[in-house]
Amino acid sequence: MSKKALSPELQDQLNKLAALPDDQIDTNDIPEALPEAWLHARQSGLYRPIKKPVTLRLDADVVAWFKEHARDHGYQTEINRVLRRYVSEAQA
């Protein structure tokens, strides 16, 4: 972003816009997104889910399989990916 100062007139317009209550903003020309539009939406590359360290008792053969077959990332990331997909499909 530019560090260039805004003109007083432009800064005044920006301040007025920021102070405008949401219910006074006309959004009639913006179409609503249908729920189907969000089915395959993805988080941006900047999104990082909050990680919480937990202790899970997983079957040793399952952990071994994930360690062997993990794609580009580690096996824990792959387990998270599979669990996230399962949860997403269960919620649909």
PDB file of N, CA and C in Angstrom:
ATOM      1  N   MET A   1       0.826  -1.182   0.000  1.00  0.00           N
ATOM      2  CA  MET A   1       0.000   0.000   0.000  1.00  0.00           C
ATOM      3  C   MET A   1       0.868   1.243   0.000  1.00  0.00           C
ATOM      4  N   SER A   2       0.331   2.258  -0.584  1.00  0.00           N
ATOM      5  CA  SER A   2       1.056   3.506  -0.662  1.00  0.00           C
ATOM      6  C   SER A   2       1.012   4.237   0.683  1.00  0.00           C
ATOM      7  N   LYS A   3       2.084   4.869   1.011  1.00  0.00           N
ATOM      8  CA  LYS A   3       2.148   5.672   2.240  1.00  0.00           C
ATOM      9  C   LYS A   3       1.837   7.132   1.957  1.00  0.00           C
ATOM     10  N   LYS A   4       1.461   7.423   0.695  1.00  0.00           N
ATOM     11  CA  LYS A   4       1.182   8.792   0.292  1.00  0.00           C
ATOM     12  C   LYS A   4      -0.055   9.305   1.028  1.00  0.00           C
ATOM     13  N   ALA A   5       0.030  10.503   1.545  1.00  0.00           N
ATOM     14  CA  ALA A   5      -1.089  11.100   2.282  1.00  0.00           C
ATOM     15  C   ALA A   5      -2.220  11.437   1.323  1.00  0.00           C
ATOM     16  N   LEU A   6      -3.457  11.255   1.811  1.00  0.00           N
ATOM     17  CA  LEU A   6      -4.629  11.604   1.013  1.00  0.00           C
ATOM     18  C   LEU A   6      -4.862  13.102   1.072  1.00  0.00           C
ATOM     19  N   SER A   7      -5.498  13.607   0.030  1.00  0.00           N
ATOM     20  CA  SER A   7      -5.857  15.027   0.054  1.00  0.00           C
ATOM     21  C   SER A   7      -6.915  15.223   1.143  1.00  0.00           C
ATOM     22  N   PRO A   8      -7.023  16.421   1.710  1.00  0.00           N
ATOM     23  CA  PRO A   8      -8.029  16.662   2.747  1.00  0.00           C
ATOM     24  C   PRO A   8      -9.449  16.329   2.276  1.00  0.00           C
ATOM     25  N   GLU A   9      -9.762  16.622   1.016  1.00  0.00           N
ATOM     26  CA  GLU A   9     -11.099  16.329   0.495  1.00  0.00           C
ATOM     27  C   GLU A   9     -11.350  14.821   0.449  1.00  0.00           C
ATOM     28  N   LEU A  10     -10.378  14.071  -0.043  1.00  0.00           N
ATOM     29  CA  LEU A  10     -10.509  12.627  -0.130  1.00  0.00           C
ATOM     30  C   LEU A  10     -10.568  12.005   1.259  1.00  0.00           C
ATOM     31  N   GLN A  11      -9.758  12.489   2.169  1.00  0.00           N
ATOM     32  CA  GLN A  11      -9.791  11.989   3.544  1.00  0.00           C
ATOM     33  C   GLN A  11     -11.150  12.259   4.180  1.00  0.00           C
ATOM     34  N   ASP A  12     -11.739  13.429   3.906  1.00  0.00           N
ATOM     35  CA  ASP A  12     -13.061  13.773   4.423  1.00  0.00           C
ATOM     36  C   ASP A  12     -14.117  12.810   3.880  1.00  0.00           C
ATOM     37  N   GLN A  13     -14.061  12.504   2.573  1.00  0.00           N
ATOM     38  CA  GLN A  13     -15.002  11.562   1.974  1.00  0.00           C
ATOM     39  C   GLN A  13     -14.848  10.171   2.594  1.00  0.00           C
ATOM     40  N   LEU A  14     -13.619   9.764   2.802  1.00  0.00           N
ATOM     41  CA  LEU A  14     -13.350   8.458   3.408  1.00  0.00           C
ATOM     42  C   LEU A  14     -13.886   8.399   4.832  1.00  0.00           C
ATOM     43  N   ASN A  15     -13.696   9.454   5.595  1.00  0.00           N
ATOM     44  CA  ASN A  15     -14.213   9.502   6.968  1.00  0.00           C
ATOM     45  C   ASN A  15     -15.732   9.425   6.987  1.00  0.00           C
ATOM     46  N   LYS A  16     -16.390  10.148   6.057  1.00  0.00           N
ATOM     47  CA  LYS A  16     -17.853  10.103   5.987  1.00  0.00           C
ATOM     48  C   LYS A  16     -18.348   8.714   5.615  1.00  0.00           C
ATOM     49  N   LEU A  17     -17.674   8.063   4.691  1.00  0.00           N
ATOM     50  CA  LEU A  17     -18.045   6.710   4.292  1.00  0.00           C
ATOM     51  C   LEU A  17     -17.877   5.730   5.457  1.00  0.00           C
ATOM     52  N   ALA A  18     -16.789   5.841   6.167  1.00  0.00           N
ATOM     53  CA  ALA A  18     -16.533   4.956   7.298  1.00  0.00           C
ATOM     54  C   ALA A  18     -17.564   5.148   8.413  1.00  0.00           C
ATOM     55  N   ALA A  19     -18.077   6.380   8.566  1.00  0.00           N
ATOM     56  CA  ALA A  19     -19.051   6.674   9.620  1.00  0.00           C
ATOM     57  C   ALA A  19     -20.476   6.300   9.228  1.00  0.00           C
ATOM     58  N   LEU A  20     -20.700   5.985   7.959  1.00  0.00           N
ATOM     59  CA  LEU A  20     -22.039   5.675   7.478  1.00  0.00           C
ATOM     60  C   LEU A  20     -22.523   4.350   8.070  1.00  0.00           C
ATOM     61  N   PRO A  21     -23.706   4.330   8.710  1.00  0.00           N
ATOM     62  CA  PRO A  21     -24.233   3.065   9.253  1.00  0.00           C
ATOM     63  C   PRO A  21     -24.539   2.075   8.127  1.00  0.00           C
ATOM     64  N   ASP A  22     -24.397   0.795   8.417  1.00  0.00           N
ATOM     65  CA  ASP A  22     -24.614  -0.235   7.407  1.00  0.00           C
ATOM     66  C   ASP A  22     -25.990  -0.149   6.762  1.00  0.00           C
ATOM     67  N   ASP A  23     -27.016   0.162   7.545  1.00  0.00           N
ATOM     68  CA  ASP A  23     -28.375   0.189   6.995  1.00  0.00           C
ATOM     69  C   ASP A  23     -28.610   1.362   6.037  1.00  0.00           C
ATOM     70  N   GLN A  24     -27.665   2.265   5.948  1.00  0.00           N
ATOM     71  CA  GLN A  24     -27.787   3.393   5.019  1.00  0.00           C
ATOM     72  C   GLN A  24     -26.965   3.199   3.746  1.00  0.00           C
ATOM     73  N   ILE A  25     -26.342   2.042   3.629  1.00  0.00           N
ATOM     74  CA  ILE A  25     -25.553   1.741   2.435  1.00  0.00           C
ATOM     75  C   ILE A  25     -26.437   0.972   1.469  1.00  0.00           C
ATOM     76  N   ASP A  26     -26.612   1.498   0.265  1.00  0.00           N
ATOM     77  CA  ASP A  26     -27.456   0.875  -0.754  1.00  0.00           C
ATOM     78  C   ASP A  26     -26.682  -0.232  -1.453  1.00  0.00           C
ATOM     79  N   THR A  27     -27.117  -1.474  -1.249  1.00  0.00           N
ATOM     80  CA  THR A  27     -26.466  -2.618  -1.886  1.00  0.00           C
ATOM     81  C   THR A  27     -27.399  -3.313  -2.874  1.00  0.00           C
ATOM     82  N   ASN A  28     -28.440  -2.612  -3.325  1.00  0.00           N
ATOM     83  CA  ASN A  28     -29.425  -3.214  -4.228  1.00  0.00           C
ATOM     84  C   ASN A  28     -28.817  -3.691  -5.536  1.00  0.00           C
ATOM     85  N   ASP A  29     -27.753  -3.066  -5.989  1.00  0.00           N
ATOM     86  CA  ASP A  29     -27.157  -3.456  -7.260  1.00  0.00           C
ATOM     87  C   ASP A  29     -26.153  -4.606  -7.118  1.00  0.00           C
ATOM     88  N   ILE A  30     -26.002  -5.135  -5.901  1.00  0.00           N
ATOM     89  CA  ILE A  30     -25.085  -6.252  -5.660  1.00  0.00           C
ATOM     90  C   ILE A  30     -25.926  -7.514  -5.478  1.00  0.00           C
ATOM     91  N   PRO A  31     -25.807  -8.483  -6.379  1.00  0.00           N
ATOM     92  CA  PRO A  31     -26.624  -9.700  -6.248  1.00  0.00           C
ATOM     93  C   PRO A  31     -26.185 -10.536  -5.051  1.00  0.00           C
ATOM     94  N   GLU A  32     -27.173 -11.198  -4.445  1.00  0.00           N
ATOM     95  CA  GLU A  32     -26.885 -12.100  -3.333  1.00  0.00           C
ATOM     96  C   GLU A  32     -26.225 -13.365  -3.874  1.00  0.00           C
ATOM     97  N   ALA A  33     -25.281 -13.888  -3.139  1.00  0.00           N
ATOM     98  CA  ALA A  33     -24.657 -15.151  -3.523  1.00  0.00           C
ATOM     99  C   ALA A  33     -25.535 -16.286  -3.011  1.00  0.00           C
ATOM    100  N   LEU A  34     -25.870 -17.209  -3.889  1.00  0.00           N
ATOM    101  CA  LEU A  34     -26.684 -18.359  -3.500  1.00  0.00           C
ATOM    102  C   LEU A  34     -25.851 -19.303  -2.641  1.00  0.00           C
ATOM    103  N   PRO A  35     -26.490 -20.050  -1.738  1.00  0.00           N
ATOM    104  CA  PRO A  35     -25.734 -20.987  -0.884  1.00  0.00           C
ATOM    105  C   PRO A  35     -24.880 -21.966  -1.695  1.00  0.00           C
ATOM    106  N   GLU A  36     -25.370 -22.357  -2.890  1.00  0.00           N
ATOM    107  CA  GLU A  36     -24.612 -23.305  -3.722  1.00  0.00           C
ATOM    108  C   GLU A  36     -23.263 -22.723  -4.154  1.00  0.00           C
ATOM    109  N   ALA A  37     -23.186 -21.403  -4.209  1.00  0.00           N
ATOM    110  CA  ALA A  37     -21.936 -20.767  -4.630  1.00  0.00           C
ATOM    111  C   ALA A  37     -20.814 -21.002  -3.623  1.00  0.00           C
ATOM    112  N   TRP A  38     -21.157 -21.344  -2.405  1.00  0.00           N
ATOM    113  CA  TRP A  38     -20.152 -21.505  -1.344  1.00  0.00           C
ATOM    114  C   TRP A  38     -19.764 -22.962  -1.110  1.00  0.00           C
ATOM    115  N   LEU A  39     -20.411 -23.907  -1.810  1.00  0.00           N
ATOM    116  CA  LEU A  39     -20.146 -25.323  -1.570  1.00  0.00           C
ATOM    117  C   LEU A  39     -18.677 -25.698  -1.730  1.00  0.00           C
ATOM    118  N   HIS A  40     -18.039 -25.161  -2.748  1.00  0.00           N
ATOM    119  CA  HIS A  40     -16.647 -25.536  -3.017  1.00  0.00           C
ATOM    120  C   HIS A  40     -15.690 -24.372  -2.773  1.00  0.00           C
ATOM    121  N   ALA A  41     -16.131 -23.429  -1.967  1.00  0.00           N
ATOM    122  CA  ALA A  41     -15.274 -22.280  -1.662  1.00  0.00           C
ATOM    123  C   ALA A  41     -14.068 -22.751  -0.859  1.00  0.00           C
ATOM    124  N   ARG A  42     -12.982 -22.069  -1.032  1.00  0.00           N
ATOM    125  CA  ARG A  42     -11.752 -22.395  -0.309  1.00  0.00           C
ATOM    126  C   ARG A  42     -11.281 -21.174   0.443  1.00  0.00           C
ATOM    127  N   GLN A  43     -10.601 -21.413   1.521  1.00  0.00           N
ATOM    128  CA  GLN A  43      -9.983 -20.327   2.261  1.00  0.00           C
ATOM    129  C   GLN A  43      -8.801 -19.819   1.437  1.00  0.00           C
ATOM    130  N   SER A  44      -8.504 -18.560   1.579  1.00  0.00           N
ATOM    131  CA  SER A  44      -7.365 -18.007   0.854  1.00  0.00           C
ATOM    132  C   SER A  44      -6.072 -18.628   1.369  1.00  0.00           C
ATOM    133  N   GLY A  45      -5.024 -18.445   0.613  1.00  0.00           N
ATOM    134  CA  GLY A  45      -3.725 -18.980   1.003  1.00  0.00           C
ATOM    135  C   GLY A  45      -3.197 -18.387   2.296  1.00  0.00           C
ATOM    136  N   LEU A  46      -3.759 -17.259   2.706  1.00  0.00           N
ATOM    137  CA  LEU A  46      -3.305 -16.628   3.945  1.00  0.00           C
ATOM    138  C   LEU A  46      -3.995 -17.208   5.175  1.00  0.00           C
ATOM    139  N   TYR A  47      -5.079 -17.971   4.951  1.00  0.00           N
ATOM    140  CA  TYR A  47      -5.833 -18.549   6.075  1.00  0.00           C
ATOM    141  C   TYR A  47      -5.021 -19.647   6.739  1.00  0.00           C
ATOM    142  N   ARG A  48      -4.913 -19.570   8.022  1.00  0.00           N
ATOM    143  CA  ARG A  48      -4.249 -20.616   8.792  1.00  0.00           C
ATOM    144  C   ARG A  48      -5.184 -21.012   9.942  1.00  0.00           C
ATOM    145  N   PRO A  49      -5.688 -22.244   9.910  1.00  0.00           N
ATOM    146  CA  PRO A  49      -6.575 -22.649  10.995  1.00  0.00           C
ATOM    147  C   PRO A  49      -5.825 -22.655  12.321  1.00  0.00           C
ATOM    148  N   ILE A  50      -6.544 -22.404  13.366  1.00  0.00           N
ATOM    149  CA  ILE A  50      -5.950 -22.432  14.702  1.00  0.00           C
ATOM    150  C   ILE A  50      -5.678 -23.878  15.065  1.00  0.00           C
ATOM    151  N   LYS A  51      -4.479 -24.148  15.442  1.00  0.00           N
ATOM    152  CA  LYS A  51      -4.095 -25.507  15.836  1.00  0.00           C
ATOM    153  C   LYS A  51      -4.200 -25.643  17.342  1.00  0.00           C
ATOM    154  N   LYS A  52      -4.687 -26.794  17.762  1.00  0.00           N
ATOM    155  CA  LYS A  52      -4.798 -27.076  19.185  1.00  0.00           C
ATOM    156  C   LYS A  52      -4.105 -28.411  19.438  1.00  0.00           C
ATOM    157  N   PRO A  53      -3.080 -28.405  20.262  1.00  0.00           N
ATOM    158  CA  PRO A  53      -2.409 -29.677  20.539  1.00  0.00           C
ATOM    159  C   PRO A  53      -3.318 -30.582  21.366  1.00  0.00           C
ATOM    160  N   VAL A  54      -3.486 -31.808  20.902  1.00  0.00           N
ATOM    161  CA  VAL A  54      -4.308 -32.789  21.598  1.00  0.00           C
ATOM    162  C   VAL A  54      -3.575 -34.118  21.612  1.00  0.00           C
ATOM    163  N   THR A  55      -4.002 -34.968  22.485  1.00  0.00           N
ATOM    164  CA  THR A  55      -3.476 -36.321  22.513  1.00  0.00           C
ATOM    165  C   THR A  55      -4.566 -37.247  22.013  1.00  0.00           C
ATOM    166  N   LEU A  56      -4.279 -37.960  20.936  1.00  0.00           N
ATOM    167  CA  LEU A  56      -5.222 -38.915  20.359  1.00  0.00           C
ATOM    168  C   LEU A  56      -4.601 -40.297  20.373  1.00  0.00           C
ATOM    169  N   ARG A  57      -5.416 -41.257  20.632  1.00  0.00           N
ATOM    170  CA  ARG A  57      -4.953 -42.634  20.548  1.00  0.00           C
ATOM    171  C   ARG A  57      -5.432 -43.181  19.212  1.00  0.00           C
ATOM    172  N   LEU A  58      -4.513 -43.270  18.266  1.00  0.00           N
ATOM    173  CA  LEU A  58      -4.828 -43.767  16.931  1.00  0.00           C
ATOM    174  C   LEU A  58      -4.217 -45.148  16.759  1.00  0.00           C
ATOM    175  N   ASP A  59      -4.865 -45.963  15.951  1.00  0.00           N
ATOM    176  CA  ASP A  59      -4.320 -47.287  15.665  1.00  0.00           C
ATOM    177  C   ASP A  59      -2.965 -47.127  14.978  1.00  0.00           C
ATOM    178  N   ALA A  60      -2.007 -47.919  15.413  1.00  0.00           N
ATOM    179  CA  ALA A  60      -0.640 -47.804  14.905  1.00  0.00           C
ATOM    180  C   ALA A  60      -0.569 -48.010  13.402  1.00  0.00           C
ATOM    181  N   ASP A  61      -1.387 -48.938  12.867  1.00  0.00           N
ATOM    182  CA  ASP A  61      -1.336 -49.184  11.428  1.00  0.00           C
ATOM    183  C   ASP A  61      -1.879 -47.996  10.627  1.00  0.00           C
ATOM    184  N   VAL A  62      -2.844 -47.259  11.204  1.00  0.00           N
ATOM    185  CA  VAL A  62      -3.382 -46.068  10.538  1.00  0.00           C
ATOM    186  C   VAL A  62      -2.309 -44.981  10.483  1.00  0.00           C
ATOM    187  N   VAL A  63      -1.621 -44.762  11.597  1.00  0.00           N
ATOM    188  CA  VAL A  63      -0.558 -43.762  11.639  1.00  0.00           C
ATOM    189  C   VAL A  63       0.555 -44.155  10.664  1.00  0.00           C
ATOM    190  N   ALA A  64       0.907 -45.417  10.645  1.00  0.00           N
ATOM    191  CA  ALA A  64       1.957 -45.890   9.739  1.00  0.00           C
ATOM    192  C   ALA A  64       1.552 -45.651   8.285  1.00  0.00           C
ATOM    193  N   TRP A  65       0.297 -45.895   7.957  1.00  0.00           N
ATOM    194  CA  TRP A  65      -0.171 -45.679   6.587  1.00  0.00           C
ATOM    195  C   TRP A  65      -0.039 -44.212   6.205  1.00  0.00           C
ATOM    196  N   PHE A  66      -0.476 -43.318   7.099  1.00  0.00           N
ATOM    197  CA  PHE A  66      -0.378 -41.888   6.801  1.00  0.00           C
ATOM    198  C   PHE A  66       1.078 -41.451   6.684  1.00  0.00           C
ATOM    199  N   LYS A  67       1.942 -41.998   7.497  1.00  0.00           N
ATOM    200  CA  LYS A  67       3.362 -41.649   7.391  1.00  0.00           C
ATOM    201  C   LYS A  67       3.926 -42.086   6.044  1.00  0.00           C
ATOM    202  N   GLU A  68       3.483 -43.229   5.546  1.00  0.00           N
ATOM    203  CA  GLU A  68       3.954 -43.752   4.263  1.00  0.00           C
ATOM    204  C   GLU A  68       3.367 -43.005   3.076  1.00  0.00           C
ATOM    205  N   HIS A  69       2.101 -42.594   3.194  1.00  0.00           N
ATOM    206  CA  HIS A  69       1.385 -42.063   2.043  1.00  0.00           C
ATOM    207  C   HIS A  69       1.130 -40.554   2.093  1.00  0.00           C
ATOM    208  N   ALA A  70       1.706 -39.876   3.042  1.00  0.00           N
ATOM    209  CA  ALA A  70       1.498 -38.423   3.121  1.00  0.00           C
ATOM    210  C   ALA A  70       1.991 -37.788   1.836  1.00  0.00           C
ATOM    211  N   ARG A  71       1.223 -36.844   1.343  1.00  0.00           N
ATOM    212  CA  ARG A  71       1.556 -36.192   0.072  1.00  0.00           C
ATOM    213  C   ARG A  71       2.739 -35.252   0.265  1.00  0.00           C
ATOM    214  N   ASP A  72       2.551 -33.992  -0.076  1.00  0.00           N
ATOM    215  CA  ASP A  72       3.645 -33.022  -0.019  1.00  0.00           C
ATOM    216  C   ASP A  72       3.959 -32.552   1.393  1.00  0.00           C
ATOM    217  N   HIS A  73       3.061 -32.811   2.310  1.00  0.00           N
ATOM    218  CA  HIS A  73       3.229 -32.325   3.678  1.00  0.00           C
ATOM    219  C   HIS A  73       3.434 -33.516   4.610  1.00  0.00           C
ATOM    220  N   GLY A  74       3.538 -33.229   5.880  1.00  0.00           N
ATOM    221  CA  GLY A  74       3.719 -34.283   6.861  1.00  0.00           C
ATOM    222  C   GLY A  74       2.452 -35.093   7.077  1.00  0.00           C
ATOM    223  N   TYR A  75       2.590 -36.198   7.758  1.00  0.00           N
ATOM    224  CA  TYR A  75       1.459 -37.085   7.964  1.00  0.00           C
ATOM    225  C   TYR A  75       0.378 -36.456   8.838  1.00  0.00           C
ATOM    226  N   GLN A  76       0.750 -35.592   9.785  1.00  0.00           N
ATOM    227  CA  GLN A  76      -0.263 -34.936  10.615  1.00  0.00           C
ATOM    228  C   GLN A  76      -1.112 -33.980   9.776  1.00  0.00           C
ATOM    229  N   THR A  77      -0.486 -33.279   8.859  1.00  0.00           N
ATOM    230  CA  THR A  77      -1.223 -32.399   7.955  1.00  0.00           C
ATOM    231  C   THR A  77      -2.183 -33.211   7.103  1.00  0.00           C
ATOM    232  N   GLU A  78      -1.739 -34.365   6.654  1.00  0.00           N
ATOM    233  CA  GLU A  78      -2.586 -35.227   5.832  1.00  0.00           C
ATOM    234  C   GLU A  78      -3.764 -35.766   6.645  1.00  0.00           C
ATOM    235  N   ILE A  79      -3.534 -36.137   7.884  1.00  0.00           N
ATOM    236  CA  ILE A  79      -4.632 -36.585   8.746  1.00  0.00           C
ATOM    237  C   ILE A  79      -5.626 -35.453   8.938  1.00  0.00           C
ATOM    238  N   ASN A  80      -5.146 -34.235   9.163  1.00  0.00           N
ATOM    239  CA  ASN A  80      -6.028 -33.072   9.289  1.00  0.00           C
ATOM    240  C   ASN A  80      -6.841 -32.859   8.024  1.00  0.00           C
ATOM    241  N   ARG A  81      -6.209 -33.008   6.854  1.00  0.00           N
ATOM    242  CA  ARG A  81      -6.910 -32.826   5.586  1.00  0.00           C
ATOM    243  C   ARG A  81      -8.049 -33.828   5.441  1.00  0.00           C
ATOM    244  N   VAL A  82      -7.780 -35.078   5.770  1.00  0.00           N
ATOM    245  CA  VAL A  82      -8.799 -36.127   5.666  1.00  0.00           C
ATOM    246  C   VAL A  82      -9.936 -35.869   6.657  1.00  0.00           C
ATOM    247  N   LEU A  83      -9.603 -35.503   7.876  1.00  0.00           N
ATOM    248  CA  LEU A  83     -10.635 -35.222   8.877  1.00  0.00           C
ATOM    249  C   LEU A  83     -11.467 -34.002   8.491  1.00  0.00           C
ATOM    250  N   ARG A  84     -10.812 -32.964   7.966  1.00  0.00           N
ATOM    251  CA  ARG A  84     -11.546 -31.763   7.556  1.00  0.00           C
ATOM    252  C   ARG A  84     -12.515 -32.095   6.425  1.00  0.00           C
ATOM    253  N   ARG A  85     -12.079 -32.911   5.471  1.00  0.00           N
ATOM    254  CA  ARG A  85     -12.956 -33.312   4.375  1.00  0.00           C
ATOM    255  C   ARG A  85     -14.151 -34.099   4.901  1.00  0.00           C
ATOM    256  N   TYR A  86     -13.904 -35.022   5.819  1.00  0.00           N
ATOM    257  CA  TYR A  86     -14.974 -35.819   6.420  1.00  0.00           C
ATOM    258  C   TYR A  86     -16.002 -34.940   7.108  1.00  0.00           C
ATOM    259  N   VAL A  87     -15.535 -33.980   7.894  1.00  0.00           N
ATOM    260  CA  VAL A  87     -16.430 -33.068   8.607  1.00  0.00           C
ATOM    261  C   VAL A  87     -17.219 -32.228   7.606  1.00  0.00           C
ATOM    262  N   SER A  88     -16.555 -31.722   6.595  1.00  0.00           N
ATOM    263  CA  SER A  88     -17.216 -30.887   5.589  1.00  0.00           C
ATOM    264  C   SER A  88     -18.320 -31.670   4.880  1.00  0.00           C
ATOM    265  N   GLU A  89     -18.040 -32.901   4.499  1.00  0.00           N
ATOM    266  CA  GLU A  89     -19.046 -33.728   3.816  1.00  0.00           C
ATOM    267  C   GLU A  89     -20.179 -34.105   4.759  1.00  0.00           C
ATOM    268  N   ALA A  90     -19.881 -34.324   6.023  1.00  0.00           N
ATOM    269  CA  ALA A  90     -20.923 -34.662   6.997  1.00  0.00           C
ATOM    270  C   ALA A  90     -21.858 -33.496   7.258  1.00  0.00           C
ATOM    271  N   GLN A  91     -21.337 -32.265   7.143  1.00  0.00           N
ATOM    272  CA  GLN A  91     -22.153 -31.079   7.374  1.00  0.00           C
ATOM    273  C   GLN A  91     -23.008 -30.721   6.182  1.00  0.00           C
ATOM    274  N   ALA A  92     -22.672 -31.223   5.006  1.00  0.00           N
ATOM    275  CA  ALA A  92     -23.408 -30.870   3.769  1.00  0.00           C
ATOM    276  C   ALA A  92     -24.751 -31.570   3.701  1.00  0.00           C
TER     277      ALA A  92
END
